[in-house]
Amino acid sequence: MYEVEQYSKYMLDEAIHRKVTDIHIVPEDKHCVIMVRFNGRIQNWKSIPIKLAERIISHFKYRSGMDIGESRKPQSASMLYKNKKVTYSLRFSTLPTRNKESLAIRILPNVTFHSFSSLCVLRNQVRDLQELSSLSYGLCLVSGPTGSGKTTTLYSLVEYMMKQGGKTIITIEDPVERFISNTIQIEVNLKTGVTFDSALSASLRHDPDVLLIGEIRDEATAKLAIRAALTGHLVIATVHADDCHSVLLRMKNLGVSELDLMQCCKVILSQRIVQTKCRLCMGECHPSCVKDRLMARAAIFEVLKGLELKQSLKTGRNTGSKPFLKEIKKAWALGYIEENEVERYVSYYF
């Protein structure tokens, strides 16, 4: 057991040192492959014996409070892990496979290194985030695919508002990914009946100025979020949608009326993560350079607000201008990203 504990610690410490965001233990016929996600891309790391992988997975299941005797059903849990002076939040997810169990570990630092300037590729979008943070009421929605940095954006918004002061902030998350001082953070727990909508309903009686909702995923949560925004609260939430216009369609599908959206929706953001261009290297960066750079990846936003937002709500259709594509081409023209990043998204949209 001591050997497994030491190997598990070595694996986590090495992943943190390499700035890895995810670890995957994938079983195969004769061995298990450990893969890591670095800068958004999966890479093979090493192979280990199946028996060792089983013991590592059991160790993490025990440490995080999962049922170590259950291997036929998916499980998920989280725990804190301290590496040197930094505390990390680890999110675990197991899946039964044809061979054995597979384990995925998401590594999230419990401190932020993301100001708005380091978060955004384009400087004008820093102002968009600052304007959003200065709102006193209304609904602000953030969308983007898994791994696009939505959670990082939400936490950056909350921390910016905390620095400005004068606001009570309640977050409702599944799970709470990082502790933020002087805020009330509620974790969704289906076993105890704490759902997004029940937590949101209770939070409205707790005198909040700002409500952060990890995800609007059902009609009850959508309607409560609208009610909170209409009664003088600032509500910031994520919605699974492809772009800003799709966010509006998604909210309508969840039973929100066009009139309510017209009255309370202030800003919609849709974001993607891109690899930024290194100003020191000529051409492609050396792997060690990418690892050590503070801003190797950053976000580009599509922003829908003001008259454009009202027009999109009235017409019920997209303008057809593909604003995100326009923003990424601007980033390339200004020299912030390589041409292959533009090509990747051009092929996605067409």
Protein backbone atom coordinates (compact mmCIF):
# COMPACT_ATOMS: atom_id res chain seq x y z
CA MET A 1 0.00 0.00 0.00
CA TYR A 2 2.89 2.33 0.80
CA GLU A 3 4.35 1.71 -2.69
CA VAL A 4 1.03 2.56 -4.35
CA GLU A 5 0.63 5.68 -2.22
CA GLN A 6 4.12 6.85 -3.16
CA TYR A 7 3.58 6.13 -6.87
CA SER A 8 0.22 7.98 -6.82
CA LYS A 9 1.88 11.00 -5.20
CA TYR A 10 4.73 10.91 -7.72
CA MET A 11 2.22 10.78 -10.61
CA LEU A 12 0.28 13.80 -9.32
CA ASP A 13 3.41 15.83 -8.49
CA GLU A 14 4.92 15.14 -11.92
CA ALA A 15 1.65 16.08 -13.68
CA ILE A 16 1.43 19.33 -11.72
CA HIS A 17 5.07 20.13 -12.54
CA ARG A 18 4.33 19.56 -16.24
CA LYS A 19 1.22 21.81 -16.01
CA VAL A 20 -1.04 18.94 -17.01
CA THR A 21 -4.78 19.57 -16.62
CA ASP A 22 -6.08 15.96 -16.84
CA ILE A 23 -4.76 12.45 -16.19
CA HIS A 24 -6.43 9.42 -17.79
CA ILE A 25 -5.76 5.82 -16.74
CA VAL A 26 -7.04 3.67 -19.61
CA PRO A 27 -7.04 -0.16 -19.35
CA GLU A 28 -6.00 -2.29 -22.30
CA ASP A 29 -5.61 -6.07 -22.71
CA LYS A 30 -2.14 -6.51 -21.22
CA HIS A 31 -1.38 -3.17 -19.55
CA CYS A 32 -2.83 0.25 -18.71
CA VAL A 33 -1.93 3.45 -20.53
CA ILE A 34 -1.60 6.71 -18.64
CA MET A 35 -2.46 9.67 -20.86
CA VAL A 36 -2.30 13.36 -19.96
CA ARG A 37 -3.92 16.48 -21.39
CA PHE A 38 -1.47 19.33 -21.92
CA ASN A 39 -2.48 22.57 -23.64
CA GLY A 40 -5.77 20.97 -24.61
CA ARG A 41 -4.24 17.94 -26.35
CA ILE A 42 -4.05 14.34 -25.13
CA GLN A 43 -0.59 12.74 -25.06
CA ASN A 44 0.53 9.24 -24.10
CA TRP A 45 2.65 9.43 -20.97
CA LYS A 46 3.56 5.90 -19.88
CA SER A 47 2.35 2.31 -19.56
CA ILE A 48 1.96 0.49 -16.24
CA PRO A 49 0.94 -3.07 -15.29
CA ILE A 50 -2.79 -3.70 -14.89
CA LYS A 51 -2.40 -4.79 -11.26
CA LEU A 52 -0.62 -1.55 -10.35
CA ALA A 53 -3.30 0.49 -12.15
CA GLU A 54 -6.06 -1.31 -10.22
CA ARG A 55 -4.36 -0.52 -6.91
CA ILE A 56 -3.83 3.14 -7.89
CA ILE A 57 -7.50 3.51 -8.85
CA SER A 58 -8.60 1.84 -5.59
CA HIS A 59 -6.27 4.18 -3.66
CA PHE A 60 -7.78 7.30 -5.25
CA LYS A 61 -11.33 5.97 -4.79
CA TYR A 62 -10.63 5.42 -1.08
CA ARG A 63 -8.98 8.82 -0.61
CA SER A 64 -11.84 10.68 -2.34
CA GLY A 65 -14.66 8.82 -0.54
CA MET A 66 -15.91 6.62 -3.38
CA ASP A 67 -17.14 3.06 -2.87
CA ILE A 68 -14.00 0.97 -3.48
CA GLY A 69 -16.07 -2.22 -3.69
CA GLU A 70 -18.15 -0.92 -6.61
CA SER A 71 -16.52 -1.22 -10.04
CA ARG A 72 -19.57 -1.85 -12.23
CA LYS A 73 -21.07 1.64 -11.98
CA PRO A 74 -19.65 5.09 -12.79
CA GLN A 75 -18.61 7.15 -9.78
CA SER A 76 -17.34 10.67 -9.24
CA ALA A 77 -15.81 12.52 -6.30
CA SER A 78 -13.33 15.27 -5.44
CA MET A 79 -10.60 15.94 -2.91
CA LEU A 80 -7.93 18.51 -2.06
CA TYR A 81 -4.25 17.83 -2.68
CA LYS A 82 -1.32 19.93 -1.48
CA ASN A 83 1.77 20.23 -3.66
CA LYS A 84 4.48 22.37 -2.04
CA LYS A 85 2.64 25.55 -0.98
CA VAL A 86 -0.21 25.30 -3.50
CA THR A 87 -3.46 23.41 -2.86
CA TYR A 88 -5.15 21.72 -5.82
CA SER A 89 -8.67 20.43 -6.24
CA LEU A 90 -8.77 16.98 -7.82
CA ARG A 91 -11.93 15.78 -9.55
CA PHE A 92 -12.18 12.02 -10.07
CA SER A 93 -14.42 10.13 -12.46
CA THR A 94 -14.49 6.35 -12.93
CA LEU A 95 -16.10 4.40 -15.77
CA PRO A 96 -16.47 0.62 -16.13
CA THR A 97 -14.95 -0.63 -19.40
CA ARG A 98 -14.74 -3.95 -21.22
CA ASN A 99 -11.53 -4.78 -19.36
CA LYS A 100 -11.36 -2.93 -16.04
CA GLU A 101 -12.16 0.48 -14.59
CA SER A 102 -10.94 3.67 -16.21
CA LEU A 103 -10.09 6.74 -14.13
CA ALA A 104 -9.96 10.40 -15.16
CA ILE A 105 -8.48 13.06 -12.87
CA ARG A 106 -9.01 16.79 -13.45
CA ILE A 107 -6.36 18.96 -11.74
CA LEU A 108 -7.48 22.44 -10.70
CA PRO A 109 -5.37 24.89 -8.67
CA ASN A 110 -7.18 26.36 -5.66
CA VAL A 111 -5.65 29.74 -6.40
CA THR A 112 -6.08 31.76 -9.56
CA PHE A 113 -3.38 33.17 -11.79
CA HIS A 114 -5.86 34.64 -14.28
CA SER A 115 -6.49 38.35 -14.37
CA PHE A 116 -8.70 39.55 -17.21
CA SER A 117 -5.53 40.57 -19.08
CA SER A 118 -4.07 37.07 -18.90
CA LEU A 119 -7.44 35.49 -19.67
CA CYS A 120 -8.13 37.29 -22.97
CA VAL A 121 -6.18 37.25 -26.23
CA LEU A 122 -7.71 40.53 -27.43
CA ARG A 123 -7.41 43.66 -25.28
CA ASN A 124 -10.87 45.01 -26.17
CA GLN A 125 -12.43 41.89 -24.63
CA VAL A 126 -10.85 42.76 -21.27
CA ARG A 127 -13.17 45.78 -21.25
CA ASP A 128 -16.15 43.53 -22.02
CA LEU A 129 -15.42 41.43 -18.92
CA GLN A 130 -14.92 44.55 -16.78
CA GLU A 131 -18.26 45.94 -17.96
CA LEU A 132 -19.97 42.64 -17.16
CA SER A 133 -18.47 42.68 -13.64
CA SER A 134 -19.74 46.19 -13.03
CA LEU A 135 -23.40 45.31 -13.73
CA SER A 136 -25.70 45.56 -10.70
CA TYR A 137 -28.51 43.32 -11.99
CA GLY A 138 -29.55 41.20 -14.95
CA LEU A 139 -28.66 37.86 -16.52
CA CYS A 140 -25.23 37.11 -18.02
CA LEU A 141 -24.71 33.77 -19.78
CA VAL A 142 -21.43 32.04 -20.66
CA SER A 143 -21.21 29.18 -23.17
CA GLY A 144 -18.57 27.06 -24.82
CA PRO A 145 -17.59 23.40 -25.22
CA THR A 146 -16.07 21.29 -22.43
CA GLY A 147 -12.54 22.47 -21.71
CA SER A 148 -13.05 25.95 -23.16
CA GLY A 149 -12.31 27.68 -19.84
CA LYS A 150 -15.84 28.64 -18.75
CA THR A 151 -15.12 27.87 -15.09
CA THR A 152 -11.92 29.93 -15.18
CA THR A 153 -13.87 32.85 -16.62
CA LEU A 154 -16.57 32.57 -13.94
CA TYR A 155 -14.03 32.50 -11.12
CA SER A 156 -12.14 35.45 -12.61
CA LEU A 157 -15.38 37.45 -12.74
CA VAL A 158 -16.20 36.60 -9.11
CA GLU A 159 -12.71 37.47 -7.87
CA TYR A 160 -12.74 40.76 -9.77
CA MET A 161 -16.07 41.68 -8.15
CA MET A 162 -14.74 40.68 -4.72
CA LYS A 163 -11.79 43.05 -5.19
CA GLN A 164 -14.19 45.87 -6.07
CA GLY A 165 -16.09 45.10 -2.85
CA GLY A 166 -19.62 45.87 -1.67
CA LYS A 167 -21.32 42.71 -2.94
CA THR A 168 -22.56 39.47 -1.39
CA ILE A 169 -21.81 36.58 -3.74
CA ILE A 170 -23.31 33.08 -3.66
CA THR A 171 -22.10 30.34 -6.02
CA ILE A 172 -23.93 27.09 -6.82
CA GLU A 173 -21.61 24.53 -8.39
CA ASP A 174 -21.31 20.84 -9.23
CA PRO A 175 -18.79 20.42 -7.68
CA VAL A 176 -17.18 23.45 -6.01
CA GLU A 177 -13.89 23.56 -7.89
CA ARG A 178 -11.99 26.15 -5.90
CA PHE A 179 -12.48 27.95 -2.61
CA ILE A 180 -13.00 31.71 -2.87
CA SER A 181 -12.76 33.63 0.39
CA ASN A 182 -15.67 35.83 1.53
CA THR A 183 -18.19 34.09 -0.73
CA ILE A 184 -20.86 31.49 0.01
CA GLN A 185 -20.27 28.38 -2.10
CA ILE A 186 -22.94 25.67 -2.33
CA GLU A 187 -22.15 22.25 -3.78
CA VAL A 188 -24.87 20.32 -5.60
CA ASN A 189 -25.46 16.95 -3.91
CA LEU A 190 -28.20 14.77 -5.38
CA LYS A 191 -27.96 12.28 -2.50
CA THR A 192 -29.07 14.93 0.00
CA GLY A 193 -31.53 16.60 -2.40
CA VAL A 194 -29.41 19.70 -3.05
CA THR A 195 -30.03 20.36 -6.74
CA PHE A 196 -29.31 23.48 -8.76
CA ASP A 197 -32.92 24.66 -8.55
CA SER A 198 -33.39 23.91 -4.81
CA ALA A 199 -30.08 25.63 -3.94
CA LEU A 200 -30.99 28.61 -6.12
CA SER A 201 -34.44 28.89 -4.57
CA ALA A 202 -32.93 28.90 -1.05
CA SER A 203 -30.20 31.36 -2.07
CA LEU A 204 -32.74 33.97 -3.11
CA ARG A 205 -33.77 34.26 0.56
CA HIS A 206 -30.14 34.78 1.63
CA ASP A 207 -29.81 38.42 0.49
CA PRO A 208 -27.33 37.93 -2.40
CA ASP A 209 -26.16 40.64 -4.77
CA VAL A 210 -24.59 38.18 -7.22
CA LEU A 211 -25.58 34.59 -7.95
CA LEU A 212 -23.22 32.34 -9.88
CA ILE A 213 -24.84 29.18 -11.26
CA GLY A 214 -22.48 26.46 -12.46
CA GLU A 215 -24.89 25.34 -15.18
CA ILE A 216 -28.47 25.98 -16.26
CA ARG A 217 -29.53 22.48 -17.27
CA ASP A 218 -33.30 22.27 -16.69
CA GLU A 219 -36.49 24.34 -16.83
CA ALA A 220 -36.73 24.86 -13.06
CA THR A 221 -33.22 26.32 -12.82
CA ALA A 222 -33.76 28.48 -15.93
CA LYS A 223 -36.98 29.99 -14.57
CA LEU A 224 -35.47 30.66 -11.14
CA ALA A 225 -32.44 32.32 -12.74
CA ILE A 226 -34.76 34.57 -14.74
CA ARG A 227 -36.78 35.40 -11.62
CA ALA A 228 -33.62 36.30 -9.72
CA ALA A 229 -32.40 38.52 -12.57
CA LEU A 230 -35.78 40.27 -12.84
CA THR A 231 -35.87 41.01 -9.09
CA GLY A 232 -32.63 42.96 -8.93
CA HIS A 233 -29.89 40.33 -8.69
CA LEU A 234 -26.93 39.85 -10.99
CA VAL A 235 -27.03 36.24 -12.21
CA ILE A 236 -24.04 34.74 -14.02
CA ALA A 237 -24.47 31.21 -15.36
CA THR A 238 -23.13 28.77 -17.94
CA VAL A 239 -25.28 27.18 -20.64
CA HIS A 240 -24.28 24.35 -22.96
CA ALA A 241 -24.55 25.87 -26.43
CA ASP A 242 -22.36 26.29 -29.49
CA ASP A 243 -22.47 30.09 -29.84
CA CYS A 244 -24.25 33.17 -28.50
CA HIS A 245 -27.34 32.79 -30.67
CA SER A 246 -27.64 29.12 -29.70
CA VAL A 247 -27.68 30.21 -26.05
CA LEU A 248 -30.89 32.14 -26.71
CA LEU A 249 -32.43 29.17 -28.47
CA ARG A 250 -31.41 26.91 -25.58
CA MET A 251 -33.04 29.24 -23.02
CA LYS A 252 -36.23 29.33 -25.08
CA ASN A 253 -36.23 25.53 -25.25
CA LEU A 254 -36.04 25.53 -21.45
CA GLY A 255 -39.31 27.47 -21.30
CA VAL A 256 -38.01 31.04 -20.92
CA SER A 257 -40.15 33.57 -22.77
CA GLU A 258 -38.70 36.03 -25.26
CA LEU A 259 -40.14 38.92 -23.21
CA ASP A 260 -38.32 37.80 -20.05
CA LEU A 261 -35.04 37.44 -21.95
CA MET A 262 -35.56 40.87 -23.49
CA GLN A 263 -36.03 42.41 -20.04
CA CYS A 264 -33.22 40.75 -18.08
CA CYS A 265 -30.51 39.36 -20.40
CA LYS A 266 -27.58 41.79 -20.50
CA VAL A 267 -24.60 39.92 -21.96
CA ILE A 268 -23.91 36.55 -23.61
CA LEU A 269 -20.37 35.24 -23.97
CA SER A 270 -19.24 32.26 -26.04
CA GLN A 271 -15.61 31.33 -25.68
CA ARG A 272 -12.90 29.11 -27.12
CA ILE A 273 -9.33 28.43 -25.97
CA VAL A 274 -6.52 29.03 -28.48
CA GLN A 275 -2.77 28.46 -28.43
CA THR A 276 -1.08 31.86 -28.29
CA LYS A 277 1.98 32.79 -30.30
CA CYS A 278 5.30 32.92 -28.47
CA ARG A 279 7.10 36.20 -29.05
CA LEU A 280 10.46 34.64 -28.15
CA CYS A 281 10.51 31.55 -30.39
CA MET A 282 10.63 31.57 -34.16
CA GLY A 283 7.96 29.19 -35.44
CA GLU A 284 6.72 26.40 -33.18
CA CYS A 285 7.70 26.59 -29.51
CA HIS A 286 9.93 24.02 -27.88
CA PRO A 287 7.87 21.91 -25.39
CA SER A 288 9.79 23.31 -22.40
CA CYS A 289 9.04 26.85 -23.57
CA VAL A 290 5.32 26.10 -23.84
CA LYS A 291 5.33 24.58 -20.35
CA ASP A 292 7.06 27.56 -18.73
CA ARG A 293 5.13 30.36 -20.43
CA LEU A 294 2.48 32.02 -18.28
CA MET A 295 0.07 32.60 -21.17
CA ALA A 296 0.55 29.66 -23.53
CA ARG A 297 -3.23 29.43 -23.96
CA ALA A 298 -5.91 32.10 -23.65
CA ALA A 299 -9.55 32.72 -24.54
CA ILE A 300 -11.22 34.41 -27.47
CA PHE A 301 -14.81 35.51 -26.86
CA GLU A 302 -17.83 36.09 -29.01
CA VAL A 303 -19.79 38.82 -27.21
CA LEU A 304 -23.49 39.53 -27.75
CA LYS A 305 -24.88 42.56 -25.93
CA GLY A 306 -26.79 45.81 -26.33
CA LEU A 307 -28.62 46.42 -29.60
CA GLU A 308 -27.21 43.30 -31.25
CA LEU A 309 -28.61 41.16 -28.44
CA LYS A 310 -32.03 42.80 -28.71
CA GLN A 311 -32.02 42.38 -32.48
CA SER A 312 -31.12 38.69 -32.21
CA LEU A 313 -33.98 38.19 -29.75
CA LYS A 314 -36.47 40.02 -31.98
CA THR A 315 -35.58 38.28 -35.23
CA GLY A 316 -35.08 34.86 -33.63
CA ARG A 317 -32.24 34.03 -35.99
CA ASN A 318 -28.50 34.46 -36.28
CA THR A 319 -27.13 37.43 -38.19
CA GLY A 320 -24.96 35.06 -40.23
CA SER A 321 -21.83 37.16 -39.63
CA LYS A 322 -20.01 34.44 -37.59
CA PRO A 323 -18.60 36.97 -35.07
CA PHE A 324 -16.32 34.42 -33.38
CA LEU A 325 -14.58 33.74 -36.67
CA LYS A 326 -14.12 37.49 -37.08
CA GLU A 327 -12.48 37.74 -33.63
CA ILE A 328 -10.08 34.86 -34.23
CA LYS A 329 -9.02 36.31 -37.58
CA LYS A 330 -8.39 39.62 -35.83
CA ALA A 331 -6.18 37.85 -33.27
CA TRP A 332 -4.19 36.30 -36.12
CA ALA A 333 -3.87 39.62 -37.97
CA LEU A 334 -2.50 41.24 -34.78
CA GLY A 335 0.07 38.46 -34.41
CA TYR A 336 -1.32 36.87 -31.24
CA ILE A 337 -1.94 33.38 -32.69
CA GLU A 338 -0.55 31.15 -35.43
CA GLU A 339 -2.34 30.60 -38.75
CA ASN A 340 -3.04 26.94 -37.91
CA GLU A 341 -5.30 28.07 -35.05
CA VAL A 342 -7.38 30.08 -37.54
CA GLU A 343 -7.54 27.11 -39.92
CA ARG A 344 -8.72 24.85 -37.10
CA TYR A 345 -11.74 27.05 -36.41
CA VAL A 346 -12.44 27.86 -40.07
CA SER A 347 -12.80 24.12 -40.71
CA TYR A 348 -15.08 23.87 -37.64
CA TYR A 349 -17.47 26.59 -38.81
CA PHE A 350 -17.56 25.48 -42.43
